Amino acid sequence: MKCILGTKVGMTQVFRPDGTVVPVTRVKAGPCIVTQVKTKAKDGIDAIQIGFGEQKVFRMNKAEQGHRRGLSFAGKSTLVNVLRDVRTGTDAHGLERGNVFTAAIFAPGDTVQVVGTSKGKGFQGVVKRHGFAGGPASHGHKDNLRMPGSIGAGGVQRVFKGMRMAGHMGDERVTVKNLEIVEVHPEEHELLIKGAIPGARGGLVIISTPEGKIEIEQTVEESPAESAATDVSEPAQEPTATEVAETEPAQS
């Protein structure tokens, strides 16, 4: 599975070779450093912990500094700011602590999913939060234009769980799938992803290939059924009369 951390820069547009205009989101992706390789036996999970960004020392306690000590990028020691775990299953894909990877792991045309935190909009009513139509504006209605209306039947004497009501809107973890990578700029650590992604400018995003799609080379052995299906040999031809006469033993 390919995975990288980045920050949302903003939206722009690019042109394909055929002249089609494509709206894209610019993402500063990587470089990311493997800070820890976790195993089921020791940590209770098979995953790798990757770090992104840089942080000043005075913003971390001694334990956090010790966990990040010894990491470097391009020969320069760094203290990563953000840490995230990525599940790898039983195979860590040969990664070790200190390995660095950049946006170059992706290629144009890859299908990815982006996880981010949506913009927080504070406390909102039902019209904006859930798209309610509201009440009539006239004919005896005075101040209930944006009211929610009835919230339950009288017989049950309670409000059911999950009732759509006013409340805190946004600031949630959002995943957008089936997005296409249009361009990759490894020297600038930048990805151009088709369409919009969740979050505000400067927000942290996690870009990865679809779940269950492992991007490593594997040796696959053909089953007997597959080998028989792929074996397309010419049918045997019946021997001619001359060949039959040559193979028969001479009679005395």
C-alpha atoms as a PDB file:
ATOM      1  CA  MET A   1       0.000   0.000   0.000  1.00  0.00           C
ATOM      2  CA  LYS A   2       1.320   3.452  -0.920  1.00  0.00           C
ATOM      3  CA  CYS A   3       0.755   6.113   1.716  1.00  0.00           C
ATOM      4  CA  ILE A   4       2.097   9.598   2.348  1.00  0.00           C
ATOM      5  CA  LEU A   5       1.281  12.594   4.530  1.00  0.00           C
ATOM      6  CA  GLY A   6       0.908  16.116   3.223  1.00  0.00           C
ATOM      7  CA  THR A   7      -0.735  19.499   3.572  1.00  0.00           C
ATOM      8  CA  LYS A   8      -3.373  21.061   1.351  1.00  0.00           C
ATOM      9  CA  VAL A   9      -2.070  24.074  -0.581  1.00  0.00           C
ATOM     10  CA  GLY A  10      -5.099  25.089  -2.639  1.00  0.00           C
ATOM     11  CA  MET A  11      -6.934  24.499  -5.905  1.00  0.00           C
ATOM     12  CA  THR A  12      -5.970  25.320  -9.473  1.00  0.00           C
ATOM     13  CA  GLN A  13      -6.468  23.862 -12.936  1.00  0.00           C
ATOM     14  CA  VAL A  14      -4.302  22.109 -15.509  1.00  0.00           C
ATOM     15  CA  PHE A  15      -4.752  21.211 -19.146  1.00  0.00           C
ATOM     16  CA  ARG A  16      -4.443  17.682 -20.495  1.00  0.00           C
ATOM     17  CA  PRO A  17      -2.666  17.053 -23.835  1.00  0.00           C
ATOM     18  CA  ASP A  18      -6.054  16.956 -25.613  1.00  0.00           C
ATOM     19  CA  GLY A  19      -6.930  20.427 -24.293  1.00  0.00           C
ATOM     20  CA  THR A  20      -9.354  19.299 -21.571  1.00  0.00           C
ATOM     21  CA  VAL A  21      -9.220  21.474 -18.464  1.00  0.00           C
ATOM     22  CA  VAL A  22      -9.073  19.584 -15.150  1.00  0.00           C
ATOM     23  CA  PRO A  23      -9.649  21.139 -11.689  1.00  0.00           C
ATOM     24  CA  VAL A  24      -6.973  19.892  -9.301  1.00  0.00           C
ATOM     25  CA  THR A  25      -5.918  20.333  -5.690  1.00  0.00           C
ATOM     26  CA  ARG A  26      -2.263  21.020  -4.967  1.00  0.00           C
ATOM     27  CA  VAL A  27      -0.878  19.004  -2.063  1.00  0.00           C
ATOM     28  CA  LYS A  28       2.595  19.302  -0.552  1.00  0.00           C
ATOM     29  CA  ALA A  29       3.249  15.615   0.038  1.00  0.00           C
ATOM     30  CA  GLY A  30       6.257  14.458   2.002  1.00  0.00           C
ATOM     31  CA  PRO A  31       9.048  13.851   2.494  1.00  0.00           C
ATOM     32  CA  CYS A  32       8.031  11.303   5.121  1.00  0.00           C
ATOM     33  CA  ILE A  33      10.293   9.315   7.447  1.00  0.00           C
ATOM     34  CA  VAL A  34       9.616   5.927   8.997  1.00  0.00           C
ATOM     35  CA  THR A  35       9.858   6.567  12.734  1.00  0.00           C
ATOM     36  CA  GLN A  36       8.860   3.113  14.021  1.00  0.00           C
ATOM     37  CA  VAL A  37       8.018  -0.367  12.751  1.00  0.00           C
ATOM     38  CA  LYS A  38       5.327  -1.925  14.931  1.00  0.00           C
ATOM     39  CA  THR A  39       4.660  -5.657  15.230  1.00  0.00           C
ATOM     40  CA  LYS A  40       1.736  -7.651  16.554  1.00  0.00           C
ATOM     41  CA  ALA A  41       3.836  -9.377  19.208  1.00  0.00           C
ATOM     42  CA  LYS A  42       5.373  -6.213  20.666  1.00  0.00           C
ATOM     43  CA  ASP A  43       2.931  -3.392  19.931  1.00  0.00           C
ATOM     44  CA  GLY A  44      -0.329  -5.250  19.322  1.00  0.00           C
ATOM     45  CA  ILE A  45      -0.541  -4.147  15.684  1.00  0.00           C
ATOM     46  CA  ASP A  46       1.329  -4.696  12.433  1.00  0.00           C
ATOM     47  CA  ALA A  47       1.996  -1.182  11.161  1.00  0.00           C
ATOM     48  CA  ILE A  48       4.604   1.415  10.383  1.00  0.00           C
ATOM     49  CA  GLN A  49       4.667   4.851  11.962  1.00  0.00           C
ATOM     50  CA  ILE A  50       5.560   7.655   9.574  1.00  0.00           C
ATOM     51  CA  GLY A  51       6.462  11.245  10.401  1.00  0.00           C
ATOM     52  CA  PHE A  52       5.949  14.441   8.443  1.00  0.00           C
ATOM     53  CA  GLY A  53       6.853  18.100   8.901  1.00  0.00           C
ATOM     54  CA  GLU A  54       9.362  19.705  11.230  1.00  0.00           C
ATOM     55  CA  GLN A  55       8.925  20.913  14.785  1.00  0.00           C
ATOM     56  CA  LYS A  56      10.986  22.980  17.182  1.00  0.00           C
ATOM     57  CA  VAL A  57      12.536  21.319  20.208  1.00  0.00           C
ATOM     58  CA  PHE A  58      10.905  23.518  22.854  1.00  0.00           C
ATOM     59  CA  ARG A  59       7.457  22.302  21.750  1.00  0.00           C
ATOM     60  CA  MET A  60       8.222  18.688  22.688  1.00  0.00           C
ATOM     61  CA  ASN A  61       8.914  16.986  25.976  1.00  0.00           C
ATOM     62  CA  LYS A  62      11.894  14.674  26.564  1.00  0.00           C
ATOM     63  CA  ALA A  63       9.990  11.516  25.687  1.00  0.00           C
ATOM     64  CA  GLU A  64       8.831  12.927  22.352  1.00  0.00           C
ATOM     65  CA  GLN A  65      12.351  14.130  21.554  1.00  0.00           C
ATOM     66  CA  GLY A  66      13.798  10.714  22.347  1.00  0.00           C
ATOM     67  CA  HIS A  67      11.310   8.957  20.098  1.00  0.00           C
ATOM     68  CA  ARG A  68      12.345  11.183  17.173  1.00  0.00           C
ATOM     69  CA  ARG A  69      16.096  11.256  17.875  1.00  0.00           C
ATOM     70  CA  GLY A  70      18.440  10.021  15.155  1.00  0.00           C
ATOM     71  CA  LEU A  71      16.172  10.797  12.194  1.00  0.00           C
ATOM     72  CA  SER A  72      17.523  12.783   9.281  1.00  0.00           C
ATOM     73  CA  PHE A  73      16.575  13.851   5.768  1.00  0.00           C
ATOM     74  CA  ALA A  74      19.129  14.759   3.090  1.00  0.00           C
ATOM     75  CA  GLY A  75      21.909  14.587   5.694  1.00  0.00           C
ATOM     76  CA  LYS A  76      20.179  17.022   8.041  1.00  0.00           C
ATOM     77  CA  SER A  77      18.774  15.896  11.380  1.00  0.00           C
ATOM     78  CA  THR A  78      15.113  16.674  11.844  1.00  0.00           C
ATOM     79  CA  LEU A  79      12.393  16.407  14.478  1.00  0.00           C
ATOM     80  CA  VAL A  80       9.182  15.419  12.700  1.00  0.00           C
ATOM     81  CA  ASN A  81       5.996  17.148  13.745  1.00  0.00           C
ATOM     82  CA  VAL A  82       3.163  14.754  12.803  1.00  0.00           C
ATOM     83  CA  LEU A  83       3.114  10.998  13.449  1.00  0.00           C
ATOM     84  CA  ARG A  84       0.600   8.596  11.904  1.00  0.00           C
ATOM     85  CA  ASP A  85       0.298   4.793  11.819  1.00  0.00           C
ATOM     86  CA  VAL A  86      -0.263   2.887   8.577  1.00  0.00           C
ATOM     87  CA  ARG A  87      -1.369  -0.734   8.776  1.00  0.00           C
ATOM     88  CA  THR A  88       0.850  -3.110   6.800  1.00  0.00           C
ATOM     89  CA  GLY A  89      -0.494  -6.530   7.777  1.00  0.00           C
ATOM     90  CA  THR A  90       2.138  -9.154   8.469  1.00  0.00           C
ATOM     91  CA  ASP A  91       4.554  -7.704   5.898  1.00  0.00           C
ATOM     92  CA  ALA A  92       6.270  -4.367   6.571  1.00  0.00           C
ATOM     93  CA  HIS A  93       7.446  -4.276   2.926  1.00  0.00           C
ATOM     94  CA  GLY A  94      11.096  -4.218   3.996  1.00  0.00           C
ATOM     95  CA  LEU A  95      10.860  -0.777   5.604  1.00  0.00           C
ATOM     96  CA  GLU A  96      13.062   0.149   8.549  1.00  0.00           C
ATOM     97  CA  ARG A  97      13.306   3.087  10.918  1.00  0.00           C
ATOM     98  CA  GLY A  98      14.900   6.042   9.190  1.00  0.00           C
ATOM     99  CA  ASN A  99      13.767   5.181   5.652  1.00  0.00           C
ATOM    100  CA  VAL A 100      12.664   8.261   3.702  1.00  0.00           C
ATOM    101  CA  PHE A 101      10.142   8.322   0.868  1.00  0.00           C
ATOM    102  CA  THR A 102       8.746  11.195  -1.180  1.00  0.00           C
ATOM    103  CA  ALA A 103       5.894  11.929  -3.572  1.00  0.00           C
ATOM    104  CA  ALA A 104       7.797   9.982  -6.242  1.00  0.00           C
ATOM    105  CA  ILE A 105       6.147   6.755  -4.997  1.00  0.00           C
ATOM    106  CA  PHE A 106       3.013   7.875  -6.886  1.00  0.00           C
ATOM    107  CA  ALA A 107       2.573   8.191 -10.628  1.00  0.00           C
ATOM    108  CA  PRO A 108       0.088  10.078 -12.820  1.00  0.00           C
ATOM    109  CA  GLY A 109      -3.062   8.022 -13.246  1.00  0.00           C
ATOM    110  CA  ASP A 110      -2.942   6.368  -9.815  1.00  0.00           C
ATOM    111  CA  THR A 111      -6.254   6.075  -7.971  1.00  0.00           C
ATOM    112  CA  VAL A 112      -6.026   7.229  -4.360  1.00  0.00           C
ATOM    113  CA  GLN A 113      -8.152   8.073  -1.362  1.00  0.00           C
ATOM    114  CA  VAL A 114      -7.614  11.216   0.704  1.00  0.00           C
ATOM    115  CA  VAL A 115      -8.391  11.526   4.412  1.00  0.00           C
ATOM    116  CA  GLY A 116      -8.645  14.957   5.978  1.00  0.00           C
ATOM    117  CA  THR A 117     -10.484  17.044   8.577  1.00  0.00           C
ATOM    118  CA  SER A 118     -13.392  19.066   7.213  1.00  0.00           C
ATOM    119  CA  LYS A 119     -13.746  22.772   7.914  1.00  0.00           C
ATOM    120  CA  GLY A 120     -15.377  23.542  11.253  1.00  0.00           C
ATOM    121  CA  LYS A 121     -18.517  25.675  10.973  1.00  0.00           C
ATOM    122  CA  GLY A 122     -19.488  25.969  14.624  1.00  0.00           C
ATOM    123  CA  PHE A 123     -23.027  25.519  15.963  1.00  0.00           C
ATOM    124  CA  GLN A 124     -25.500  25.511  13.054  1.00  0.00           C
ATOM    125  CA  GLY A 125     -29.236  25.051  12.695  1.00  0.00           C
ATOM    126  CA  VAL A 126     -31.072  22.319  10.857  1.00  0.00           C
ATOM    127  CA  VAL A 127     -31.440  24.299   7.623  1.00  0.00           C
ATOM    128  CA  LYS A 128     -27.699  24.648   7.073  1.00  0.00           C
ATOM    129  CA  ARG A 129     -26.605  21.473   8.860  1.00  0.00           C
ATOM    130  CA  HIS A 130     -29.109  19.011   7.370  1.00  0.00           C
ATOM    131  CA  GLY A 131     -30.745  20.915   4.524  1.00  0.00           C
ATOM    132  CA  PHE A 132     -34.203  21.271   6.079  1.00  0.00           C
ATOM    133  CA  ALA A 133     -36.670  23.378   4.103  1.00  0.00           C
ATOM    134  CA  GLY A 134     -37.917  25.303   7.135  1.00  0.00           C
ATOM    135  CA  GLY A 135     -41.469  26.506   7.692  1.00  0.00           C
ATOM    136  CA  PRO A 136     -43.773  28.768   5.711  1.00  0.00           C
ATOM    137  CA  ALA A 137     -42.959  32.472   5.732  1.00  0.00           C
ATOM    138  CA  SER A 138     -46.570  33.741   5.854  1.00  0.00           C
ATOM    139  CA  HIS A 139     -50.222  32.855   6.544  1.00  0.00           C
ATOM    140  CA  GLY A 140     -50.074  32.874  10.300  1.00  0.00           C
ATOM    141  CA  HIS A 141     -46.423  31.885  10.715  1.00  0.00           C
ATOM    142  CA  LYS A 142     -44.426  34.525  12.515  1.00  0.00           C
ATOM    143  CA  ASP A 143     -40.955  33.397  13.579  1.00  0.00           C
ATOM    144  CA  ASN A 144     -40.590  29.731  12.660  1.00  0.00           C
ATOM    145  CA  LEU A 145     -39.047  30.118   9.184  1.00  0.00           C
ATOM    146  CA  ARG A 146     -35.911  28.132  10.093  1.00  0.00           C
ATOM    147  CA  MET A 147     -37.359  26.020  12.890  1.00  0.00           C
ATOM    148  CA  PRO A 148     -36.897  22.226  12.867  1.00  0.00           C
ATOM    149  CA  GLY A 149     -40.574  21.427  13.415  1.00  0.00           C
ATOM    150  CA  SER A 150     -41.790  18.310  15.219  1.00  0.00           C
ATOM    151  CA  ILE A 151     -39.072  16.022  16.572  1.00  0.00           C
ATOM    152  CA  GLY A 152     -41.146  12.981  17.558  1.00  0.00           C
ATOM    153  CA  ALA A 153     -44.528  11.367  18.015  1.00  0.00           C
ATOM    154  CA  GLY A 154     -46.482  11.885  21.212  1.00  0.00           C
ATOM    155  CA  GLY A 155     -47.123   8.202  21.831  1.00  0.00           C
ATOM    156  CA  VAL A 156     -43.524   7.112  22.501  1.00  0.00           C
ATOM    157  CA  GLN A 157     -42.910  10.024  24.881  1.00  0.00           C
ATOM    158  CA  ARG A 158     -39.264  10.358  23.890  1.00  0.00           C
ATOM    159  CA  VAL A 159     -36.969  11.481  21.049  1.00  0.00           C
ATOM    160  CA  PHE A 160     -35.312   8.715  19.071  1.00  0.00           C
ATOM    161  CA  LYS A 161     -31.529   8.543  18.851  1.00  0.00           C
ATOM    162  CA  GLY A 162     -30.068   9.952  15.654  1.00  0.00           C
ATOM    163  CA  MET A 163     -32.735  12.615  15.242  1.00  0.00           C
ATOM    164  CA  ARG A 164     -31.400  15.361  12.982  1.00  0.00           C
ATOM    165  CA  MET A 165     -31.207  18.522  15.065  1.00  0.00           C
ATOM    166  CA  ALA A 166     -29.091  21.651  15.400  1.00  0.00           C
ATOM    167  CA  GLY A 167     -25.550  21.180  16.653  1.00  0.00           C
ATOM    168  CA  HIS A 168     -21.835  21.332  15.931  1.00  0.00           C
ATOM    169  CA  MET A 169     -21.145  21.151  12.198  1.00  0.00           C
ATOM    170  CA  GLY A 170     -17.923  20.186  10.435  1.00  0.00           C
ATOM    171  CA  ASP A 171     -14.505  19.500  11.989  1.00  0.00           C
ATOM    172  CA  GLU A 172     -14.887  15.773  11.239  1.00  0.00           C
ATOM    173  CA  ARG A 173     -12.683  13.122   9.688  1.00  0.00           C
ATOM    174  CA  VAL A 174     -13.712  12.810   6.030  1.00  0.00           C
ATOM    175  CA  THR A 175     -12.506  10.275   3.442  1.00  0.00           C
ATOM    176  CA  VAL A 176     -12.862  10.902  -0.295  1.00  0.00           C
ATOM    177  CA  LYS A 177     -12.205   7.883  -2.517  1.00  0.00           C
ATOM    178  CA  ASN A 178     -11.507   7.235  -6.200  1.00  0.00           C
ATOM    179  CA  LEU A 179      -9.488  10.382  -6.823  1.00  0.00           C
ATOM    180  CA  GLU A 180      -6.997  10.529  -9.679  1.00  0.00           C
ATOM    181  CA  ILE A 181      -3.448  11.825  -9.472  1.00  0.00           C
ATOM    182  CA  VAL A 182      -3.037  14.088 -12.495  1.00  0.00           C
ATOM    183  CA  GLU A 183       0.574  15.213 -12.086  1.00  0.00           C
ATOM    184  CA  VAL A 184       3.525  14.444  -9.803  1.00  0.00           C
ATOM    185  CA  HIS A 185       6.332  16.947  -9.127  1.00  0.00           C
ATOM    186  CA  PRO A 186       8.923  15.038  -7.038  1.00  0.00           C
ATOM    187  CA  GLU A 187      11.461  17.884  -6.987  1.00  0.00           C
ATOM    188  CA  GLU A 188       8.845  20.169  -5.414  1.00  0.00           C
ATOM    189  CA  HIS A 189       7.272  17.421  -3.246  1.00  0.00           C
ATOM    190  CA  GLU A 190       3.924  18.204  -4.824  1.00  0.00           C
ATOM    191  CA  LEU A 191       0.949  16.168  -6.027  1.00  0.00           C
ATOM    192  CA  LEU A 192      -1.900  17.436  -8.194  1.00  0.00           C
ATOM    193  CA  ILE A 193      -5.075  15.501  -7.372  1.00  0.00           C
ATOM    194  CA  LYS A 194      -8.195  15.775  -9.508  1.00  0.00           C
ATOM    195  CA  GLY A 195     -11.144  17.412  -7.762  1.00  0.00           C
ATOM    196  CA  ALA A 196     -11.558  18.736  -4.244  1.00  0.00           C
ATOM    197  CA  ILE A 197     -10.289  17.182  -1.022  1.00  0.00           C
ATOM    198  CA  PRO A 198     -11.524  17.808   2.546  1.00  0.00           C
ATOM    199  CA  GLY A 199     -10.065  20.436   4.812  1.00  0.00           C
ATOM    200  CA  ALA A 200      -8.844  24.014   4.751  1.00  0.00           C
ATOM    201  CA  ARG A 201      -5.613  25.336   3.279  1.00  0.00           C
ATOM    202  CA  GLY A 202      -2.696  24.085   5.331  1.00  0.00           C
ATOM    203  CA  GLY A 203      -4.681  21.171   6.741  1.00  0.00           C
ATOM    204  CA  LEU A 204      -3.115  17.743   7.153  1.00  0.00           C
ATOM    205  CA  VAL A 205      -4.192  15.048   4.677  1.00  0.00           C
ATOM    206  CA  ILE A 206      -3.350  11.365   4.318  1.00  0.00           C
ATOM    207  CA  ILE A 207      -3.036  10.126   0.736  1.00  0.00           C
ATOM    208  CA  SER A 208      -3.040   6.387   0.108  1.00  0.00           C
ATOM    209  CA  THR A 209      -3.962   3.784  -2.448  1.00  0.00           C
ATOM    210  CA  PRO A 210      -7.287   1.950  -1.950  1.00  0.00           C
ATOM    211  CA  GLU A 211      -7.435  -0.436   0.996  1.00  0.00           C
ATOM    212  CA  GLY A 212      -6.312  -3.957   0.231  1.00  0.00           C
ATOM    213  CA  LYS A 213      -4.349  -2.965  -2.867  1.00  0.00           C
ATOM    214  CA  ILE A 214      -0.751  -3.918  -2.058  1.00  0.00           C
ATOM    215  CA  GLU A 215       1.824  -2.173  -4.233  1.00  0.00           C
ATOM    216  CA  ILE A 216       4.703  -4.670  -3.977  1.00  0.00           C
ATOM    217  CA  GLU A 217       6.104  -7.216  -6.358  1.00  0.00           C
ATOM    218  CA  GLN A 218       5.042 -10.772  -5.555  1.00  0.00           C
ATOM    219  CA  THR A 219       5.952 -14.110  -7.060  1.00  0.00           C
ATOM    220  CA  VAL A 220       2.759 -15.860  -8.151  1.00  0.00           C
ATOM    221  CA  GLU A 221       2.808 -19.569  -8.944  1.00  0.00           C
ATOM    222  CA  GLU A 222       0.408 -20.772 -11.603  1.00  0.00           C
ATOM    223  CA  SER A 223      -2.120 -23.380 -10.608  1.00  0.00           C
ATOM    224  CA  PRO A 224      -2.562 -26.505 -12.785  1.00  0.00           C
ATOM    225  CA  ALA A 225      -5.876 -25.160 -14.085  1.00  0.00           C
ATOM    226  CA  GLU A 226      -4.279 -21.853 -15.095  1.00  0.00           C
ATOM    227  CA  SER A 227      -1.329 -23.546 -16.756  1.00  0.00           C
ATOM    228  CA  ALA A 228      -3.690 -25.820 -18.708  1.00  0.00           C
ATOM    229  CA  ALA A 229      -5.733 -22.831 -19.792  1.00  0.00           C
ATOM    230  CA  THR A 230      -2.655 -20.946 -20.964  1.00  0.00           C
ATOM    231  CA  ASP A 231      -1.155 -23.955 -22.777  1.00  0.00           C
ATOM    232  CA  VAL A 232      -2.336 -23.486 -26.349  1.00  0.00           C
ATOM    233  CA  SER A 233      -0.649 -26.241 -28.351  1.00  0.00           C
ATOM    234  CA  GLU A 234      -1.423 -27.374 -31.867  1.00  0.00           C
ATOM    235  CA  PRO A 235      -3.674 -30.472 -32.144  1.00  0.00           C
ATOM    236  CA  ALA A 236      -1.995 -33.729 -33.061  1.00  0.00           C
ATOM    237  CA  GLN A 237      -2.241 -34.598 -36.753  1.00  0.00           C
ATOM    238  CA  GLU A 238      -3.036 -38.081 -37.976  1.00  0.00           C
ATOM    239  CA  PRO A 239      -0.089 -39.906 -39.629  1.00  0.00           C
ATOM    240  CA  THR A 240      -0.111 -40.141 -43.391  1.00  0.00           C
ATOM    241  CA  ALA A 241      -0.169 -43.442 -45.322  1.00  0.00           C
ATOM    242  CA  THR A 242       3.567 -43.185 -46.117  1.00  0.00           C
ATOM    243  CA  GLU A 243       4.443 -42.717 -42.418  1.00  0.00           C
ATOM    244  CA  VAL A 244       2.289 -45.738 -41.468  1.00  0.00           C
ATOM    245  CA  ALA A 245       4.030 -47.927 -44.101  1.00  0.00           C
ATOM    246  CA  GLU A 246       7.479 -46.935 -42.824  1.00  0.00           C
ATOM    247  CA  THR A 247       6.605 -47.740 -39.184  1.00  0.00           C
ATOM    248  CA  GLU A 248       5.013 -51.182 -39.880  1.00  0.00           C
ATOM    249  CA  PRO A 249       7.434 -54.167 -39.569  1.00  0.00           C
ATOM    250  CA  ALA A 250       8.355 -55.961 -42.784  1.00  0.00           C
ATOM    251  CA  GLN A 251       6.604 -59.348 -43.239  1.00  0.00           C
ATOM    252  CA  SER A 252       8.785 -62.316 -44.269  1.00  0.00           C
END
